[in-house]
Structures are given as structure tokens and as C-alpha cells.
Amino acid sequence: MQVQSSTDSPKKLAIGERPIMADGTESNMFALKESGAPVEIVYPQEGSPFVPSPTAVMEKAPHPHAARLLQSFLYSVEMQEVLVEAGERSLHPLVADKAGRRPLSSIKLLAADPAKILEEVDEIKARYTQYFGT
């Protein structure tokens, strides 16, 4: 079932509309599980994709110093702890995972080569359409 949002799949799983999902975000699953939904997160032995959320300062930003200050704040211990409490993961070495969550260091992550993926984008789209019909 193709859905429009990363929040849709976990919700459909939690209400029993679907027995399994293979997309959505880990943080949405954490929230459902912590709210008592009968869901479990399974990390494939073959590896799980890891999608970081990078930030950047535009080259011609009107206030580049303010943008750099915001960058510094986003990656501070204090802000990273806020993100962890909200259900996200932090890669900051001084920020611990929320209690009860599997540490990222114990999850096999899939390596991605963006340049290789770009070379194969047409093939990837064709396989996606073949598998999911969209």
C-alpha cells in the first residue's frame, strides 16, 4: 500500500489495517510504541537504511553569521537532548539514547553511495514501479 506520508504507514500498522510495514520513520514507531500501540520495531539482519537530516547555510544567506549560530545551536548537547526526548536519534557523543531504545551502534546500517545511486536512479524507479505498481 503506497501512502503519502511517513506517518501514515505506522498509523495503519498500529490500528491493525496492515500487518507489516517497510517504510516510515523510526521516531514515529517509537511514539506509537510508547503510547501503547501493539507494534514492534524489527531491524533487518541485512541492514537498515540510515537517513541523516543534514542542515546547511546557503552561500548567499542574508545573515550568514546568524545562520552559523543556529547551526551551532542545532548540534549543541542541549538541542540534541531535546530531539532525543522528542523521539529522534542523536549522533552527538555526549547525548544518550532514550531509555529502552536499541542503541544505533548495535544496528547494522546499510552503506549508501549517493553517486552510485544517482547513476542507477532510472533503474531504481523502474523496479519500484514494477514492485509497487505506482
N, C-alpha and C. Protein backbone atom coordinates (compact mmCIF):
# COMPACT_ATOMS: atom_id res chain seq x y z
N MET A 1 0.85 -1.17 0.00
CA MET A 1 0.00 0.00 0.00
C MET A 1 0.89 1.23 0.00
N GLN A 2 0.73 2.06 -1.00
CA GLN A 2 1.51 3.28 -1.10
C GLN A 2 0.75 4.40 -0.38
N VAL A 3 1.44 5.12 0.50
CA VAL A 3 0.81 6.21 1.23
C VAL A 3 1.60 7.49 1.00
N GLN A 4 1.04 8.61 1.42
CA GLN A 4 1.63 9.91 1.13
C GLN A 4 2.59 10.44 2.20
N SER A 5 2.57 9.86 3.39
CA SER A 5 3.33 10.43 4.48
C SER A 5 4.03 9.34 5.29
N SER A 6 5.15 9.68 5.88
CA SER A 6 5.86 8.71 6.72
C SER A 6 5.09 8.42 8.00
N THR A 7 4.07 9.22 8.30
CA THR A 7 3.26 8.95 9.49
C THR A 7 2.10 8.02 9.18
N ASP A 8 1.73 7.89 7.91
CA ASP A 8 0.57 7.05 7.55
C ASP A 8 0.81 5.56 7.79
N SER A 9 1.96 5.05 7.35
CA SER A 9 2.23 3.62 7.48
C SER A 9 2.20 3.15 8.93
N PRO A 10 2.91 3.84 9.84
CA PRO A 10 2.85 3.39 11.24
C PRO A 10 1.44 3.43 11.83
N LYS A 11 0.65 4.43 11.46
CA LYS A 11 -0.72 4.52 11.97
C LYS A 11 -1.56 3.34 11.49
N LYS A 12 -1.41 2.99 10.21
CA LYS A 12 -2.18 1.87 9.66
C LYS A 12 -1.75 0.55 10.30
N LEU A 13 -0.48 0.44 10.62
CA LEU A 13 0.02 -0.74 11.33
C LEU A 13 -0.57 -0.80 12.74
N ALA A 14 -0.54 0.32 13.44
CA ALA A 14 -1.00 0.36 14.84
C ALA A 14 -2.48 0.03 14.99
N ILE A 15 -3.30 0.42 14.00
CA ILE A 15 -4.74 0.13 14.10
C ILE A 15 -5.10 -1.23 13.52
N GLY A 16 -4.08 -1.96 13.03
CA GLY A 16 -4.33 -3.31 12.53
C GLY A 16 -4.77 -3.37 11.09
N GLU A 17 -4.75 -2.24 10.39
CA GLU A 17 -5.16 -2.24 8.98
C GLU A 17 -4.14 -2.98 8.11
N ARG A 18 -2.90 -2.98 8.53
CA ARG A 18 -1.84 -3.69 7.83
C ARG A 18 -1.02 -4.47 8.86
N PRO A 19 -0.57 -5.69 8.51
CA PRO A 19 0.17 -6.49 9.48
C PRO A 19 1.67 -6.17 9.55
N ILE A 20 2.20 -5.47 8.53
CA ILE A 20 3.63 -5.17 8.48
C ILE A 20 3.83 -3.91 7.65
N MET A 21 4.89 -3.19 7.95
CA MET A 21 5.23 -2.03 7.12
C MET A 21 6.74 -2.04 6.88
N ALA A 22 7.16 -1.42 5.79
CA ALA A 22 8.58 -1.39 5.47
C ALA A 22 9.06 0.03 5.19
N ASP A 23 8.28 1.00 5.60
CA ASP A 23 8.71 2.39 5.45
C ASP A 23 8.17 3.19 6.62
N GLY A 24 8.38 4.47 6.59
CA GLY A 24 8.01 5.29 7.73
C GLY A 24 9.27 5.59 8.52
N THR A 25 9.14 6.34 9.57
CA THR A 25 10.34 6.71 10.33
C THR A 25 10.36 6.01 11.69
N GLU A 26 11.55 5.77 12.15
CA GLU A 26 11.75 5.14 13.44
C GLU A 26 11.11 5.96 14.56
N SER A 27 11.21 7.29 14.48
CA SER A 27 10.65 8.14 15.54
C SER A 27 9.13 7.99 15.63
N ASN A 28 8.46 7.82 14.49
CA ASN A 28 7.01 7.59 14.52
C ASN A 28 6.68 6.27 15.20
N MET A 29 7.51 5.27 14.95
CA MET A 29 7.29 3.97 15.60
C MET A 29 7.56 4.06 17.09
N PHE A 30 8.60 4.79 17.50
CA PHE A 30 8.87 4.99 18.92
C PHE A 30 7.65 5.61 19.60
N ALA A 31 7.08 6.64 18.96
CA ALA A 31 5.93 7.34 19.55
C ALA A 31 4.74 6.40 19.71
N LEU A 32 4.46 5.61 18.68
CA LEU A 32 3.33 4.67 18.76
C LEU A 32 3.56 3.62 19.85
N LYS A 33 4.76 3.06 19.87
CA LYS A 33 5.08 2.04 20.86
C LYS A 33 4.96 2.60 22.28
N GLU A 34 5.48 3.79 22.49
CA GLU A 34 5.43 4.41 23.81
C GLU A 34 4.00 4.79 24.22
N SER A 35 3.12 4.96 23.24
CA SER A 35 1.73 5.29 23.56
C SER A 35 0.89 4.03 23.81
N GLY A 36 1.55 2.86 23.70
CA GLY A 36 0.85 1.61 24.00
C GLY A 36 0.36 0.85 22.79
N ALA A 37 0.66 1.34 21.58
CA ALA A 37 0.23 0.62 20.37
C ALA A 37 0.95 -0.73 20.31
N PRO A 38 0.27 -1.76 19.83
CA PRO A 38 0.86 -3.11 19.76
C PRO A 38 1.77 -3.27 18.55
N VAL A 39 2.89 -2.56 18.55
CA VAL A 39 3.83 -2.60 17.44
C VAL A 39 5.22 -2.93 17.96
N GLU A 40 6.04 -3.51 17.09
CA GLU A 40 7.44 -3.79 17.41
C GLU A 40 8.30 -3.33 16.25
N ILE A 41 9.45 -2.81 16.55
CA ILE A 41 10.40 -2.42 15.52
C ILE A 41 11.36 -3.58 15.30
N VAL A 42 11.52 -3.98 14.04
CA VAL A 42 12.43 -5.06 13.69
C VAL A 42 13.48 -4.46 12.76
N TYR A 43 14.74 -4.63 13.13
CA TYR A 43 15.84 -4.15 12.30
C TYR A 43 16.39 -5.34 11.53
N PRO A 44 16.31 -5.34 10.19
CA PRO A 44 16.76 -6.49 9.41
C PRO A 44 18.23 -6.81 9.65
N GLN A 45 18.54 -8.09 9.70
CA GLN A 45 19.93 -8.52 9.88
C GLN A 45 20.80 -8.05 8.71
N GLU A 46 20.17 -7.92 7.53
CA GLU A 46 20.92 -7.50 6.34
C GLU A 46 21.35 -6.04 6.45
N GLY A 47 20.66 -5.27 7.28
CA GLY A 47 20.99 -3.87 7.47
C GLY A 47 19.77 -2.98 7.29
N SER A 48 19.82 -1.85 7.94
CA SER A 48 18.75 -0.85 7.88
C SER A 48 19.30 0.43 7.24
N PRO A 49 18.49 1.09 6.44
CA PRO A 49 18.96 2.37 5.90
C PRO A 49 19.03 3.41 7.02
N PHE A 50 19.99 4.28 6.92
CA PHE A 50 20.09 5.39 7.86
C PHE A 50 20.02 6.67 7.05
N VAL A 51 19.02 7.49 7.33
CA VAL A 51 18.83 8.73 6.58
C VAL A 51 19.07 9.89 7.52
N PRO A 52 20.25 10.52 7.43
CA PRO A 52 20.53 11.65 8.31
C PRO A 52 19.72 12.87 7.87
N SER A 53 19.62 13.83 8.73
CA SER A 53 18.91 15.08 8.43
C SER A 53 19.91 16.23 8.47
N PRO A 54 20.65 16.41 7.39
CA PRO A 54 21.67 17.46 7.40
C PRO A 54 21.05 18.85 7.33
N THR A 55 21.82 19.81 7.72
CA THR A 55 21.43 21.21 7.61
C THR A 55 22.57 21.94 6.91
N ALA A 56 22.30 23.12 6.41
CA ALA A 56 23.34 23.86 5.69
C ALA A 56 23.08 25.35 5.80
N VAL A 57 24.10 26.12 5.50
CA VAL A 57 23.99 27.57 5.39
C VAL A 57 24.18 27.90 3.92
N MET A 58 23.21 28.57 3.35
CA MET A 58 23.28 28.93 1.94
C MET A 58 24.44 29.90 1.70
N GLU A 59 25.08 29.76 0.56
CA GLU A 59 26.25 30.58 0.26
C GLU A 59 25.93 32.07 0.32
N LYS A 60 24.75 32.46 -0.13
CA LYS A 60 24.39 33.88 -0.16
C LYS A 60 23.30 34.19 0.86
N ALA A 61 23.35 33.52 2.00
CA ALA A 61 22.37 33.78 3.06
C ALA A 61 22.44 35.25 3.46
N PRO A 62 21.29 35.89 3.69
CA PRO A 62 21.31 37.31 4.04
C PRO A 62 21.96 37.57 5.41
N HIS A 63 21.94 36.60 6.28
CA HIS A 63 22.54 36.75 7.62
C HIS A 63 23.36 35.50 7.94
N PRO A 64 24.50 35.32 7.27
CA PRO A 64 25.27 34.08 7.42
C PRO A 64 25.76 33.83 8.84
N HIS A 65 26.08 34.88 9.57
CA HIS A 65 26.57 34.67 10.94
C HIS A 65 25.44 34.16 11.84
N ALA A 66 24.25 34.70 11.65
CA ALA A 66 23.10 34.22 12.42
C ALA A 66 22.80 32.76 12.04
N ALA A 67 22.94 32.43 10.76
CA ALA A 67 22.70 31.05 10.31
C ALA A 67 23.72 30.10 10.94
N ARG A 68 24.97 30.54 11.04
CA ARG A 68 26.00 29.70 11.66
C ARG A 68 25.74 29.53 13.16
N LEU A 69 25.23 30.57 13.80
CA LEU A 69 24.86 30.45 15.22
C LEU A 69 23.74 29.43 15.39
N LEU A 70 22.76 29.48 14.48
CA LEU A 70 21.68 28.50 14.53
C LEU A 70 22.24 27.09 14.34
N GLN A 71 23.16 26.93 13.40
CA GLN A 71 23.80 25.63 13.17
C GLN A 71 24.46 25.13 14.46
N SER A 72 25.21 26.00 15.09
CA SER A 72 25.88 25.62 16.34
C SER A 72 24.88 25.19 17.39
N PHE A 73 23.77 25.92 17.49
CA PHE A 73 22.75 25.57 18.47
C PHE A 73 22.11 24.22 18.14
N LEU A 74 21.81 23.98 16.87
CA LEU A 74 21.16 22.72 16.47
C LEU A 74 21.98 21.50 16.87
N TYR A 75 23.29 21.63 16.85
CA TYR A 75 24.16 20.50 17.17
C TYR A 75 24.72 20.54 18.59
N SER A 76 24.19 21.43 19.42
CA SER A 76 24.62 21.51 20.82
C SER A 76 24.04 20.34 21.60
N VAL A 77 24.66 20.00 22.72
CA VAL A 77 24.15 18.94 23.59
C VAL A 77 22.71 19.23 23.98
N GLU A 78 22.43 20.48 24.36
CA GLU A 78 21.08 20.83 24.82
C GLU A 78 20.02 20.57 23.75
N MET A 79 20.27 21.00 22.53
CA MET A 79 19.27 20.80 21.47
C MET A 79 19.18 19.34 21.06
N GLN A 80 20.30 18.64 21.02
CA GLN A 80 20.27 17.23 20.68
C GLN A 80 19.48 16.43 21.72
N GLU A 81 19.59 16.81 22.98
CA GLU A 81 18.80 16.15 24.03
C GLU A 81 17.31 16.41 23.83
N VAL A 82 16.95 17.60 23.39
CA VAL A 82 15.54 17.91 23.09
C VAL A 82 15.06 17.00 21.96
N LEU A 83 15.87 16.84 20.93
CA LEU A 83 15.48 15.98 19.80
C LEU A 83 15.32 14.53 20.23
N VAL A 84 16.22 14.04 21.08
CA VAL A 84 16.11 12.66 21.57
C VAL A 84 14.83 12.50 22.38
N GLU A 85 14.53 13.46 23.21
CA GLU A 85 13.30 13.39 24.01
C GLU A 85 12.06 13.40 23.11
N ALA A 86 12.16 14.05 21.95
CA ALA A 86 11.05 14.12 21.00
C ALA A 86 10.96 12.87 20.13
N GLY A 87 11.93 11.94 20.29
CA GLY A 87 11.84 10.68 19.56
C GLY A 87 12.87 10.48 18.48
N GLU A 88 13.72 11.44 18.26
CA GLU A 88 14.76 11.31 17.23
C GLU A 88 16.01 10.69 17.82
N ARG A 89 16.97 10.41 16.97
CA ARG A 89 18.28 9.93 17.42
C ARG A 89 19.28 11.07 17.31
N SER A 90 20.31 10.98 18.12
CA SER A 90 21.40 11.95 18.04
C SER A 90 22.70 11.21 17.84
N LEU A 91 23.58 11.78 17.04
CA LEU A 91 24.91 11.21 16.86
C LEU A 91 25.94 11.93 17.73
N HIS A 92 25.47 12.87 18.54
CA HIS A 92 26.37 13.60 19.42
C HIS A 92 26.93 12.64 20.46
N PRO A 93 28.24 12.59 20.63
CA PRO A 93 28.84 11.60 21.55
C PRO A 93 28.45 11.80 23.02
N LEU A 94 27.99 12.99 23.39
CA LEU A 94 27.62 13.24 24.79
C LEU A 94 26.12 13.11 25.05
N VAL A 95 25.37 12.70 24.03
CA VAL A 95 23.92 12.58 24.17
C VAL A 95 23.52 11.11 24.11
N ALA A 96 22.87 10.66 25.15
CA ALA A 96 22.46 9.25 25.25
C ALA A 96 21.10 9.04 24.60
N ASP A 97 20.89 7.81 24.11
CA ASP A 97 19.57 7.44 23.59
C ASP A 97 18.57 7.44 24.73
N LYS A 98 17.31 7.58 24.38
CA LYS A 98 16.24 7.47 25.36
C LYS A 98 16.25 6.04 25.92
N ALA A 99 15.98 5.93 27.20
CA ALA A 99 15.99 4.62 27.87
C ALA A 99 15.08 3.63 27.15
N GLY A 100 15.56 2.39 27.03
CA GLY A 100 14.76 1.34 26.43
C GLY A 100 14.89 1.22 24.93
N ARG A 101 15.62 2.11 24.30
CA ARG A 101 15.77 2.04 22.85
C ARG A 101 17.06 1.32 22.48
N ARG A 102 17.00 0.60 21.41
CA ARG A 102 18.18 -0.11 20.94
C ARG A 102 19.22 0.91 20.46
N PRO A 103 20.44 0.81 20.96
CA PRO A 103 21.47 1.77 20.53
C PRO A 103 21.76 1.65 19.04
N LEU A 104 21.97 2.76 18.40
CA LEU A 104 22.28 2.76 16.98
C LEU A 104 23.53 1.94 16.70
N SER A 105 24.47 1.94 17.63
CA SER A 105 25.72 1.18 17.44
C SER A 105 25.48 -0.32 17.34
N SER A 106 24.32 -0.80 17.78
CA SER A 106 24.03 -2.24 17.71
C SER A 106 23.17 -2.60 16.51
N ILE A 107 22.87 -1.63 15.66
CA ILE A 107 22.04 -1.86 14.47
C ILE A 107 22.95 -1.81 13.25
N LYS A 108 22.91 -2.87 12.44
CA LYS A 108 23.69 -2.87 11.21
C LYS A 108 23.07 -1.87 10.24
N LEU A 109 23.87 -0.93 9.78
CA LEU A 109 23.38 0.09 8.86
C LEU A 109 23.85 -0.21 7.44
N LEU A 110 22.98 0.06 6.48
CA LEU A 110 23.34 -0.12 5.08
C LEU A 110 24.18 1.08 4.64
N ALA A 111 25.24 0.80 3.92
CA ALA A 111 26.06 1.87 3.37
C ALA A 111 25.44 2.31 2.05
N ALA A 112 25.40 3.61 1.84
CA ALA A 112 24.84 4.14 0.60
C ALA A 112 25.90 4.98 -0.09
N ASP A 113 25.98 4.82 -1.39
CA ASP A 113 26.89 5.61 -2.20
C ASP A 113 26.02 6.51 -3.08
N PRO A 114 25.85 7.78 -2.69
CA PRO A 114 24.96 8.68 -3.44
C PRO A 114 25.30 8.76 -4.92
N ALA A 115 26.57 8.76 -5.28
CA ALA A 115 26.94 8.85 -6.69
C ALA A 115 26.47 7.61 -7.45
N LYS A 116 26.61 6.44 -6.85
CA LYS A 116 26.16 5.19 -7.49
C LYS A 116 24.63 5.18 -7.62
N ILE A 117 23.97 5.64 -6.58
CA ILE A 117 22.51 5.69 -6.62
C ILE A 117 22.04 6.62 -7.74
N LEU A 118 22.70 7.76 -7.89
CA LEU A 118 22.34 8.70 -8.95
C LEU A 118 22.50 8.06 -10.32
N GLU A 119 23.56 7.27 -10.51
CA GLU A 119 23.76 6.56 -11.78
C GLU A 119 22.65 5.55 -12.06
N GLU A 120 22.07 5.00 -11.00
CA GLU A 120 21.07 3.93 -11.14
C GLU A 120 19.64 4.41 -10.91
N VAL A 121 19.42 5.71 -10.87
CA VAL A 121 18.10 6.22 -10.48
C VAL A 121 16.98 5.74 -11.41
N ASP A 122 17.22 5.69 -12.69
CA ASP A 122 16.17 5.23 -13.62
C ASP A 122 15.82 3.77 -13.37
N GLU A 123 16.84 2.94 -13.15
CA GLU A 123 16.62 1.52 -12.86
C GLU A 123 15.88 1.35 -11.53
N ILE A 124 16.25 2.13 -10.54
CA ILE A 124 15.58 2.06 -9.23
C ILE A 124 14.12 2.42 -9.36
N LYS A 125 13.82 3.49 -10.09
CA LYS A 125 12.42 3.92 -10.30
C LYS A 125 11.63 2.84 -11.04
N ALA A 126 12.25 2.22 -12.03
CA ALA A 126 11.56 1.17 -12.80
C ALA A 126 11.24 -0.03 -11.91
N ARG A 127 12.21 -0.44 -11.08
CA ARG A 127 11.95 -1.57 -10.16
C ARG A 127 10.86 -1.21 -9.16
N TYR A 128 10.88 0.01 -8.66
CA TYR A 128 9.85 0.45 -7.70
C TYR A 128 8.46 0.34 -8.33
N THR A 129 8.35 0.83 -9.57
CA THR A 129 7.08 0.75 -10.28
C THR A 129 6.68 -0.69 -10.51
N GLN A 130 7.64 -1.54 -10.86
CA GLN A 130 7.35 -2.97 -11.07
C GLN A 130 6.84 -3.62 -9.78
N TYR A 131 7.49 -3.33 -8.66
CA TYR A 131 7.12 -3.95 -7.39
C TYR A 131 5.83 -3.41 -6.81
N PHE A 132 5.64 -2.09 -6.91
CA PHE A 132 4.52 -1.46 -6.22
C PHE A 132 3.44 -0.91 -7.13
N GLY A 133 3.68 -0.93 -8.44
CA GLY A 133 2.65 -0.53 -9.39
C GLY A 133 2.34 0.95 -9.38
N THR A 134 3.23 1.76 -8.86
CA THR A 134 2.98 3.22 -8.88
C THR A 134 4.14 3.95 -9.49
